[in-house]
Amino acid sequence: MAVKHKSRSLRRVSRKLPGGKVTIQYKKRKPGRAKCSNCGKPLMGVPRELPSKMKTLSKTEKRPERPYGGVLCSKCMRSKIIKEVRK
């Protein structure tokens, strides 16, 4: 095993080859879930993908199409809009 594969920064994935042999491939780990900047709750509708995969997604696949989409969760977004309107 090469020294670069000894660390757990790369994840180990078992893959079956066409000849029937099973080998271990080393792939990058996915980033953590996107979190609400206000309450820290994981955001729904935001994919957990590598930057190279995110680049191929369309704008609406990257985050929800609403005010503060991809930044605030729906609960925090509603309360922020209500606060702004009441000012």
PDB file of N, CA and C in Angstrom:
ATOM      1  N   MET A   1       0.849  -1.190   0.000  1.00  0.00           N
ATOM      2  CA  MET A   1       0.000   0.000   0.000  1.00  0.00           C
ATOM      3  C   MET A   1       0.888   1.245   0.000  1.00  0.00           C
ATOM      4  N   ALA A   2       0.591   2.167  -0.861  1.00  0.00           N
ATOM      5  CA  ALA A   2       1.373   3.397  -0.951  1.00  0.00           C
ATOM      6  C   ALA A   2       1.138   4.252   0.291  1.00  0.00           C
ATOM      7  N   VAL A   3       2.125   5.059   0.623  1.00  0.00           N
ATOM      8  CA  VAL A   3       2.055   5.900   1.821  1.00  0.00           C
ATOM      9  C   VAL A   3       0.883   6.877   1.757  1.00  0.00           C
ATOM     10  N   LYS A   4       0.583   7.396   0.562  1.00  0.00           N
ATOM     11  CA  LYS A   4      -0.490   8.381   0.442  1.00  0.00           C
ATOM     12  C   LYS A   4      -1.860   7.766   0.735  1.00  0.00           C
ATOM     13  N   HIS A   5      -1.979   6.432   0.611  1.00  0.00           N
ATOM     14  CA  HIS A   5      -3.255   5.772   0.869  1.00  0.00           C
ATOM     15  C   HIS A   5      -3.419   5.351   2.336  1.00  0.00           C
ATOM     16  N   LYS A   6      -2.367   5.496   3.139  1.00  0.00           N
ATOM     17  CA  LYS A   6      -2.456   5.078   4.533  1.00  0.00           C
ATOM     18  C   LYS A   6      -3.313   6.018   5.374  1.00  0.00           C
ATOM     19  N   SER A   7      -3.344   7.299   5.004  1.00  0.00           N
ATOM     20  CA  SER A   7      -4.153   8.234   5.785  1.00  0.00           C
ATOM     21  C   SER A   7      -5.612   8.032   5.421  1.00  0.00           C
ATOM     22  N   ARG A   8      -6.517   8.450   6.285  1.00  0.00           N
ATOM     23  CA  ARG A   8      -7.942   8.283   6.021  1.00  0.00           C
ATOM     24  C   ARG A   8      -8.566   9.525   5.407  1.00  0.00           C
ATOM     25  N   SER A   9      -7.730  10.409   4.840  1.00  0.00           N
ATOM     26  CA  SER A   9      -8.274  11.579   4.160  1.00  0.00           C
ATOM     27  C   SER A   9      -9.001  11.158   2.881  1.00  0.00           C
ATOM     28  N   LEU A  10      -8.596  10.025   2.289  1.00  0.00           N
ATOM     29  CA  LEU A  10      -9.301   9.454   1.154  1.00  0.00           C
ATOM     30  C   LEU A  10     -10.138   8.285   1.651  1.00  0.00           C
ATOM     31  N   ARG A  11     -11.375   8.174   1.159  1.00  0.00           N
ATOM     32  CA  ARG A  11     -12.208   7.050   1.589  1.00  0.00           C
ATOM     33  C   ARG A  11     -11.931   5.833   0.729  1.00  0.00           C
ATOM     34  N   ARG A  12     -12.152   4.655   1.287  1.00  0.00           N
ATOM     35  CA  ARG A  12     -11.879   3.405   0.586  1.00  0.00           C
ATOM     36  C   ARG A  12     -13.187   2.825   0.073  1.00  0.00           C
ATOM     37  N   VAL A  13     -13.240   2.566  -1.224  1.00  0.00           N
ATOM     38  CA  VAL A  13     -14.443   2.047  -1.865  1.00  0.00           C
ATOM     39  C   VAL A  13     -14.094   0.732  -2.550  1.00  0.00           C
ATOM     40  N   SER A  14     -14.828  -0.330  -2.241  1.00  0.00           N
ATOM     41  CA  SER A  14     -14.619  -1.621  -2.894  1.00  0.00           C
ATOM     42  C   SER A  14     -15.348  -1.632  -4.224  1.00  0.00           C
ATOM     43  N   ARG A  15     -14.641  -2.003  -5.285  1.00  0.00           N
ATOM     44  CA  ARG A  15     -15.234  -2.068  -6.619  1.00  0.00           C
ATOM     45  C   ARG A  15     -14.912  -3.425  -7.238  1.00  0.00           C
ATOM     46  N   LYS A  16     -15.912  -3.997  -7.911  1.00  0.00           N
ATOM     47  CA  LYS A  16     -15.699  -5.250  -8.611  1.00  0.00           C
ATOM     48  C   LYS A  16     -15.275  -4.936 -10.048  1.00  0.00           C
ATOM     49  N   LEU A  17     -14.172  -5.512 -10.488  1.00  0.00           N
ATOM     50  CA  LEU A  17     -13.643  -5.306 -11.827  1.00  0.00           C
ATOM     51  C   LEU A  17     -14.311  -6.265 -12.810  1.00  0.00           C
ATOM     52  N   PRO A  18     -14.214  -5.997 -14.118  1.00  0.00           N
ATOM     53  CA  PRO A  18     -14.855  -6.873 -15.101  1.00  0.00           C
ATOM     54  C   PRO A  18     -14.430  -8.338 -14.996  1.00  0.00           C
ATOM     55  N   GLY A  19     -13.225  -8.598 -14.560  1.00  0.00           N
ATOM     56  CA  GLY A  19     -12.748  -9.976 -14.425  1.00  0.00           C
ATOM     57  C   GLY A  19     -13.281 -10.682 -13.192  1.00  0.00           C
ATOM     58  N   GLY A  20     -14.050  -9.976 -12.349  1.00  0.00           N
ATOM     59  CA  GLY A  20     -14.603 -10.566 -11.136  1.00  0.00           C
ATOM     60  C   GLY A  20     -13.773 -10.286  -9.894  1.00  0.00           C
ATOM     61  N   LYS A  21     -12.591  -9.708 -10.055  1.00  0.00           N
ATOM     62  CA  LYS A  21     -11.719  -9.399  -8.927  1.00  0.00           C
ATOM     63  C   LYS A  21     -12.224  -8.139  -8.221  1.00  0.00           C
ATOM     64  N   VAL A  22     -12.148  -8.102  -6.900  1.00  0.00           N
ATOM     65  CA  VAL A  22     -12.579  -6.937  -6.124  1.00  0.00           C
ATOM     66  C   VAL A  22     -11.340  -6.178  -5.669  1.00  0.00           C
ATOM     67  N   THR A  23     -11.289  -4.880  -5.952  1.00  0.00           N
ATOM     68  CA  THR A  23     -10.159  -4.053  -5.522  1.00  0.00           C
ATOM     69  C   THR A  23     -10.663  -2.871  -4.713  1.00  0.00           C
ATOM     70  N   ILE A  24      -9.750  -2.200  -4.060  1.00  0.00           N
ATOM     71  CA  ILE A  24     -10.084  -1.001  -3.288  1.00  0.00           C
ATOM     72  C   ILE A  24      -9.662   0.215  -4.098  1.00  0.00           C
ATOM     73  N   GLN A  25     -10.609   1.122  -4.307  1.00  0.00           N
ATOM     74  CA  GLN A  25     -10.310   2.397  -4.956  1.00  0.00           C
ATOM     75  C   GLN A  25     -10.329   3.479  -3.886  1.00  0.00           C
ATOM     76  N   TYR A  26      -9.513   4.502  -4.043  1.00  0.00           N
ATOM     77  CA  TYR A  26      -9.412   5.588  -3.080  1.00  0.00           C
ATOM     78  C   TYR A  26     -10.059   6.827  -3.679  1.00  0.00           C
ATOM     79  N   LYS A  27     -11.116   7.319  -3.046  1.00  0.00           N
ATOM     80  CA  LYS A  27     -11.849   8.479  -3.556  1.00  0.00           C
ATOM     81  C   LYS A  27     -11.896   9.562  -2.498  1.00  0.00           C
ATOM     82  N   LYS A  28     -12.087  10.806  -2.963  1.00  0.00           N
ATOM     83  CA  LYS A  28     -12.183  11.935  -2.032  1.00  0.00           C
ATOM     84  C   LYS A  28     -13.468  11.841  -1.230  1.00  0.00           C
ATOM     85  N   ARG A  29     -13.425  12.319  -0.008  1.00  0.00           N
ATOM     86  CA  ARG A  29     -14.617  12.338   0.835  1.00  0.00           C
ATOM     87  C   ARG A  29     -15.522  13.492   0.434  1.00  0.00           C
ATOM     88  N   LYS A  30     -16.820  13.293   0.616  1.00  0.00           N
ATOM     89  CA  LYS A  30     -17.772  14.351   0.311  1.00  0.00           C
ATOM     90  C   LYS A  30     -17.719  15.402   1.417  1.00  0.00           C
ATOM     91  N   PRO A  31     -18.024  16.664   1.095  1.00  0.00           N
ATOM     92  CA  PRO A  31     -18.048  17.704   2.126  1.00  0.00           C
ATOM     93  C   PRO A  31     -19.240  17.517   3.063  1.00  0.00           C
ATOM     94  N   GLY A  32     -19.202  18.178   4.199  1.00  0.00           N
ATOM     95  CA  GLY A  32     -20.297  18.106   5.168  1.00  0.00           C
ATOM     96  C   GLY A  32     -21.545  18.802   4.648  1.00  0.00           C
ATOM     97  N   ARG A  33     -22.666  18.565   5.334  1.00  0.00           N
ATOM     98  CA  ARG A  33     -23.936  19.174   4.935  1.00  0.00           C
ATOM     99  C   ARG A  33     -23.856  20.685   5.072  1.00  0.00           C
ATOM    100  N   ALA A  34     -24.536  21.395   4.169  1.00  0.00           N
ATOM    101  CA  ALA A  34     -24.643  22.854   4.280  1.00  0.00           C
ATOM    102  C   ALA A  34     -25.540  23.159   5.477  1.00  0.00           C
ATOM    103  N   LYS A  35     -25.166  24.143   6.282  1.00  0.00           N
ATOM    104  CA  LYS A  35     -25.914  24.470   7.497  1.00  0.00           C
ATOM    105  C   LYS A  35     -26.493  25.873   7.418  1.00  0.00           C
ATOM    106  N   CYS A  36     -27.617  26.073   8.121  1.00  0.00           N
ATOM    107  CA  CYS A  36     -28.253  27.384   8.217  1.00  0.00           C
ATOM    108  C   CYS A  36     -27.307  28.311   8.968  1.00  0.00           C
ATOM    109  N   SER A  37     -27.114  29.518   8.451  1.00  0.00           N
ATOM    110  CA  SER A  37     -26.179  30.450   9.088  1.00  0.00           C
ATOM    111  C   SER A  37     -26.742  31.027  10.380  1.00  0.00           C
ATOM    112  N   ASN A  38     -28.046  30.863  10.602  1.00  0.00           N
ATOM    113  CA  ASN A  38     -28.680  31.410  11.796  1.00  0.00           C
ATOM    114  C   ASN A  38     -28.755  30.377  12.919  1.00  0.00           C
ATOM    115  N   CYS A  39     -29.359  29.218  12.645  1.00  0.00           N
ATOM    116  CA  CYS A  39     -29.584  28.225  13.700  1.00  0.00           C
ATOM    117  C   CYS A  39     -28.666  27.014  13.602  1.00  0.00           C
ATOM    118  N   GLY A  40     -28.003  26.803  12.467  1.00  0.00           N
ATOM    119  CA  GLY A  40     -27.076  25.686  12.315  1.00  0.00           C
ATOM    120  C   GLY A  40     -27.721  24.378  11.893  1.00  0.00           C
ATOM    121  N   LYS A  41     -29.018  24.408  11.579  1.00  0.00           N
ATOM    122  CA  LYS A  41     -29.729  23.208  11.132  1.00  0.00           C
ATOM    123  C   LYS A  41     -29.282  22.856   9.717  1.00  0.00           C
ATOM    124  N   PRO A  42     -29.125  21.544   9.380  1.00  0.00           N
ATOM    125  CA  PRO A  42     -28.751  21.183   8.001  1.00  0.00           C
ATOM    126  C   PRO A  42     -29.803  21.667   6.997  1.00  0.00           C
ATOM    127  N   LEU A  43     -29.339  22.219   5.862  1.00  0.00           N
ATOM    128  CA  LEU A  43     -30.249  22.773   4.860  1.00  0.00           C
ATOM    129  C   LEU A  43     -30.783  21.682   3.952  1.00  0.00           C
ATOM    130  N   MET A  44     -32.076  21.744   3.690  1.00  0.00           N
ATOM    131  CA  MET A  44     -32.713  20.821   2.752  1.00  0.00           C
ATOM    132  C   MET A  44     -32.564  21.388   1.334  1.00  0.00           C
ATOM    133  N   GLY A  45     -32.426  20.538   0.362  1.00  0.00           N
ATOM    134  CA  GLY A  45     -32.364  20.973  -1.031  1.00  0.00           C
ATOM    135  C   GLY A  45     -31.000  21.421  -1.503  1.00  0.00           C
ATOM    136  N   VAL A  46     -29.979  21.296  -0.641  1.00  0.00           N
ATOM    137  CA  VAL A  46     -28.616  21.654  -1.037  1.00  0.00           C
ATOM    138  C   VAL A  46     -27.816  20.359  -1.114  1.00  0.00           C
ATOM    139  N   PRO A  47     -27.327  19.955  -2.311  1.00  0.00           N
ATOM    140  CA  PRO A  47     -26.638  18.677  -2.437  1.00  0.00           C
ATOM    141  C   PRO A  47     -25.287  18.665  -1.736  1.00  0.00           C
ATOM    142  N   ARG A  48     -24.892  17.479  -1.326  1.00  0.00           N
ATOM    143  CA  ARG A  48     -23.614  17.261  -0.650  1.00  0.00           C
ATOM    144  C   ARG A  48     -22.672  16.655  -1.669  1.00  0.00           C
ATOM    145  N   GLU A  49     -22.099  17.474  -2.517  1.00  0.00           N
ATOM    146  CA  GLU A  49     -21.265  16.983  -3.613  1.00  0.00           C
ATOM    147  C   GLU A  49     -19.901  17.668  -3.625  1.00  0.00           C
ATOM    148  N   LEU A  50     -18.963  17.055  -4.328  1.00  0.00           N
ATOM    149  CA  LEU A  50     -17.637  17.634  -4.527  1.00  0.00           C
ATOM    150  C   LEU A  50     -17.755  18.845  -5.455  1.00  0.00           C
ATOM    151  N   PRO A  51     -16.861  19.819  -5.334  1.00  0.00           N
ATOM    152  CA  PRO A  51     -16.930  21.005  -6.184  1.00  0.00           C
ATOM    153  C   PRO A  51     -16.962  20.683  -7.681  1.00  0.00           C
ATOM    154  N   SER A  52     -16.260  19.638  -8.102  1.00  0.00           N
ATOM    155  CA  SER A  52     -16.252  19.270  -9.523  1.00  0.00           C
ATOM    156  C   SER A  52     -17.634  18.810  -9.979  1.00  0.00           C
ATOM    157  N   LYS A  53     -18.395  18.133  -9.102  1.00  0.00           N
ATOM    158  CA  LYS A  53     -19.755  17.702  -9.431  1.00  0.00           C
ATOM    159  C   LYS A  53     -20.725  18.884  -9.348  1.00  0.00           C
ATOM    160  N   MET A  54     -20.518  19.775  -8.375  1.00  0.00           N
ATOM    161  CA  MET A  54     -21.398  20.939  -8.195  1.00  0.00           C
ATOM    162  C   MET A  54     -21.329  21.852  -9.416  1.00  0.00           C
ATOM    163  N   LYS A  55     -20.151  21.888 -10.055  1.00  0.00           N
ATOM    164  CA  LYS A  55     -19.946  22.735 -11.222  1.00  0.00           C
ATOM    165  C   LYS A  55     -20.880  22.334 -12.366  1.00  0.00           C
ATOM    166  N   THR A  56     -21.172  21.036 -12.472  1.00  0.00           N
ATOM    167  CA  THR A  56     -21.999  20.546 -13.576  1.00  0.00           C
ATOM    168  C   THR A  56     -23.496  20.714 -13.310  1.00  0.00           C
ATOM    169  N   LEU A  57     -23.883  20.961 -12.053  1.00  0.00           N
ATOM    170  CA  LEU A  57     -25.303  21.122 -11.727  1.00  0.00           C
ATOM    171  C   LEU A  57     -25.803  22.496 -12.154  1.00  0.00           C
ATOM    172  N   SER A  58     -27.092  22.578 -12.455  1.00  0.00           N
ATOM    173  CA  SER A  58     -27.669  23.867 -12.798  1.00  0.00           C
ATOM    174  C   SER A  58     -27.860  24.696 -11.529  1.00  0.00           C
ATOM    175  N   LYS A  59     -28.124  25.986 -11.698  1.00  0.00           N
ATOM    176  CA  LYS A  59     -28.252  26.909 -10.574  1.00  0.00           C
ATOM    177  C   LYS A  59     -29.349  26.472  -9.605  1.00  0.00           C
ATOM    178  N   THR A  60     -30.481  26.010 -10.149  1.00  0.00           N
ATOM    179  CA  THR A  60     -31.606  25.636  -9.284  1.00  0.00           C
ATOM    180  C   THR A  60     -31.402  24.286  -8.606  1.00  0.00           C
ATOM    181  N   GLU A  61     -30.473  23.479  -9.097  1.00  0.00           N
ATOM    182  CA  GLU A  61     -30.152  22.216  -8.436  1.00  0.00           C
ATOM    183  C   GLU A  61     -29.180  22.425  -7.277  1.00  0.00           C
ATOM    184  N   LYS A  62     -28.482  23.566  -7.272  1.00  0.00           N
ATOM    185  CA  LYS A  62     -27.487  23.822  -6.231  1.00  0.00           C
ATOM    186  C   LYS A  62     -28.094  24.327  -4.933  1.00  0.00           C
ATOM    187  N   ARG A  63     -29.200  25.069  -5.032  1.00  0.00           N
ATOM    188  CA  ARG A  63     -29.853  25.584  -3.820  1.00  0.00           C
ATOM    189  C   ARG A  63     -31.309  25.888  -4.123  1.00  0.00           C
ATOM    190  N   PRO A  64     -32.157  25.991  -3.090  1.00  0.00           N
ATOM    191  CA  PRO A  64     -33.580  26.264  -3.313  1.00  0.00           C
ATOM    192  C   PRO A  64     -33.813  27.638  -3.939  1.00  0.00           C
ATOM    193  N   GLU A  65     -34.838  27.726  -4.762  1.00  0.00           N
ATOM    194  CA  GLU A  65     -35.163  28.964  -5.468  1.00  0.00           C
ATOM    195  C   GLU A  65     -36.138  29.785  -4.624  1.00  0.00           C
ATOM    196  N   ARG A  66     -35.616  30.416  -3.582  1.00  0.00           N
ATOM    197  CA  ARG A  66     -36.419  31.270  -2.695  1.00  0.00           C
ATOM    198  C   ARG A  66     -35.488  32.281  -2.047  1.00  0.00           C
ATOM    199  N   PRO A  67     -36.050  33.328  -1.411  1.00  0.00           N
ATOM    200  CA  PRO A  67     -35.172  34.295  -0.736  1.00  0.00           C
ATOM    201  C   PRO A  67     -34.287  33.595   0.301  1.00  0.00           C
ATOM    202  N   TYR A  68     -33.017  33.931   0.340  1.00  0.00           N
ATOM    203  CA  TYR A  68     -32.017  33.347   1.246  1.00  0.00           C
ATOM    204  C   TYR A  68     -31.853  31.840   1.028  1.00  0.00           C
ATOM    205  N   GLY A  69     -32.167  31.355  -0.169  1.00  0.00           N
ATOM    206  CA  GLY A  69     -32.029  29.935  -0.490  1.00  0.00           C
ATOM    207  C   GLY A  69     -30.572  29.511  -0.435  1.00  0.00           C
ATOM    208  N   GLY A  70     -30.289  28.442   0.292  1.00  0.00           N
ATOM    209  CA  GLY A  70     -28.928  27.952   0.443  1.00  0.00           C
ATOM    210  C   GLY A  70     -28.155  28.654   1.531  1.00  0.00           C
ATOM    211  N   VAL A  71     -28.789  29.596   2.244  1.00  0.00           N
ATOM    212  CA  VAL A  71     -28.138  30.324   3.330  1.00  0.00           C
ATOM    213  C   VAL A  71     -28.900  30.102   4.635  1.00  0.00           C
ATOM    214  N   LEU A  72     -30.229  30.296   4.589  1.00  0.00           N
ATOM    215  CA  LEU A  72     -31.073  30.113   5.770  1.00  0.00           C
ATOM    216  C   LEU A  72     -32.044  28.963   5.555  1.00  0.00           C
ATOM    217  N   CYS A  73     -32.408  28.285   6.662  1.00  0.00           N
ATOM    218  CA  CYS A  73     -33.451  27.265   6.573  1.00  0.00           C
ATOM    219  C   CYS A  73     -34.794  27.988   6.421  1.00  0.00           C
ATOM    220  N   SER A  74     -35.837  27.250   6.043  1.00  0.00           N
ATOM    221  CA  SER A  74     -37.122  27.883   5.745  1.00  0.00           C
ATOM    222  C   SER A  74     -37.707  28.585   6.978  1.00  0.00           C
ATOM    223  N   LYS A  75     -37.511  28.016   8.162  1.00  0.00           N
ATOM    224  CA  LYS A  75     -38.041  28.611   9.398  1.00  0.00           C
ATOM    225  C   LYS A  75     -37.373  29.958   9.689  1.00  0.00           C
ATOM    226  N   CYS A  76     -36.046  30.000   9.613  1.00  0.00           N
ATOM    227  CA  CYS A  76     -35.305  31.243   9.856  1.00  0.00           C
ATOM    228  C   CYS A  76     -35.593  32.279   8.771  1.00  0.00           C
ATOM    229  N   MET A  77     -35.771  31.821   7.522  1.00  0.00           N
ATOM    230  CA  MET A  77     -36.077  32.723   6.411  1.00  0.00           C
ATOM    231  C   MET A  77     -37.415  33.409   6.654  1.00  0.00           C
ATOM    232  N   ARG A  78     -38.417  32.616   7.088  1.00  0.00           N
ATOM    233  CA  ARG A  78     -39.741  33.192   7.359  1.00  0.00           C
ATOM    234  C   ARG A  78     -39.678  34.232   8.474  1.00  0.00           C
ATOM    235  N   SER A  79     -38.975  33.906   9.557  1.00  0.00           N
ATOM    236  CA  SER A  79     -38.902  34.832  10.692  1.00  0.00           C
ATOM    237  C   SER A  79     -38.128  36.113  10.310  1.00  0.00           C
ATOM    238  N   LYS A  80     -37.089  35.979   9.474  1.00  0.00           N
ATOM    239  CA  LYS A  80     -36.330  37.166   9.036  1.00  0.00           C
ATOM    240  C   LYS A  80     -37.175  38.072   8.172  1.00  0.00           C
ATOM    241  N   ILE A  81     -37.957  37.499   7.247  1.00  0.00           N
ATOM    242  CA  ILE A  81     -38.821  38.306   6.382  1.00  0.00           C
ATOM    243  C   ILE A  81     -39.887  39.013   7.216  1.00  0.00           C
ATOM    244  N   ILE A  82     -40.465  38.305   8.191  1.00  0.00           N
ATOM    245  CA  ILE A  82     -41.481  38.912   9.068  1.00  0.00           C
ATOM    246  C   ILE A  82     -40.886  40.074   9.856  1.00  0.00           C
ATOM    247  N   LYS A  83     -39.648  39.906  10.378  1.00  0.00           N
ATOM    248  CA  LYS A  83     -38.972  40.985  11.124  1.00  0.00           C
ATOM    249  C   LYS A  83     -38.747  42.202  10.235  1.00  0.00           C
ATOM    250  N   GLU A  84     -38.312  41.973   8.974  1.00  0.00           N
ATOM    251  CA  GLU A  84     -38.055  43.062   8.039  1.00  0.00           C
ATOM    252  C   GLU A  84     -39.344  43.825   7.712  1.00  0.00           C
ATOM    253  N   VAL A  85     -40.444  43.106   7.553  1.00  0.00           N
ATOM    254  CA  VAL A  85     -41.721  43.724   7.216  1.00  0.00           C
ATOM    255  C   VAL A  85     -42.238  44.561   8.385  1.00  0.00           C
ATOM    256  N   ARG A  86     -42.010  44.090   9.596  1.00  0.00           N
ATOM    257  CA  ARG A  86     -42.513  44.790  10.793  1.00  0.00           C
ATOM    258  C   ARG A  86     -41.737  46.046  11.112  1.00  0.00           C
ATOM    259  N   LYS A  87     -40.527  46.221  10.561  1.00  0.00           N
ATOM    260  CA  LYS A  87     -39.719  47.428  10.824  1.00  0.00           C
ATOM    261  C   LYS A  87     -40.363  48.662  10.268  1.00  0.00           C
TER     262      LYS A  87
END
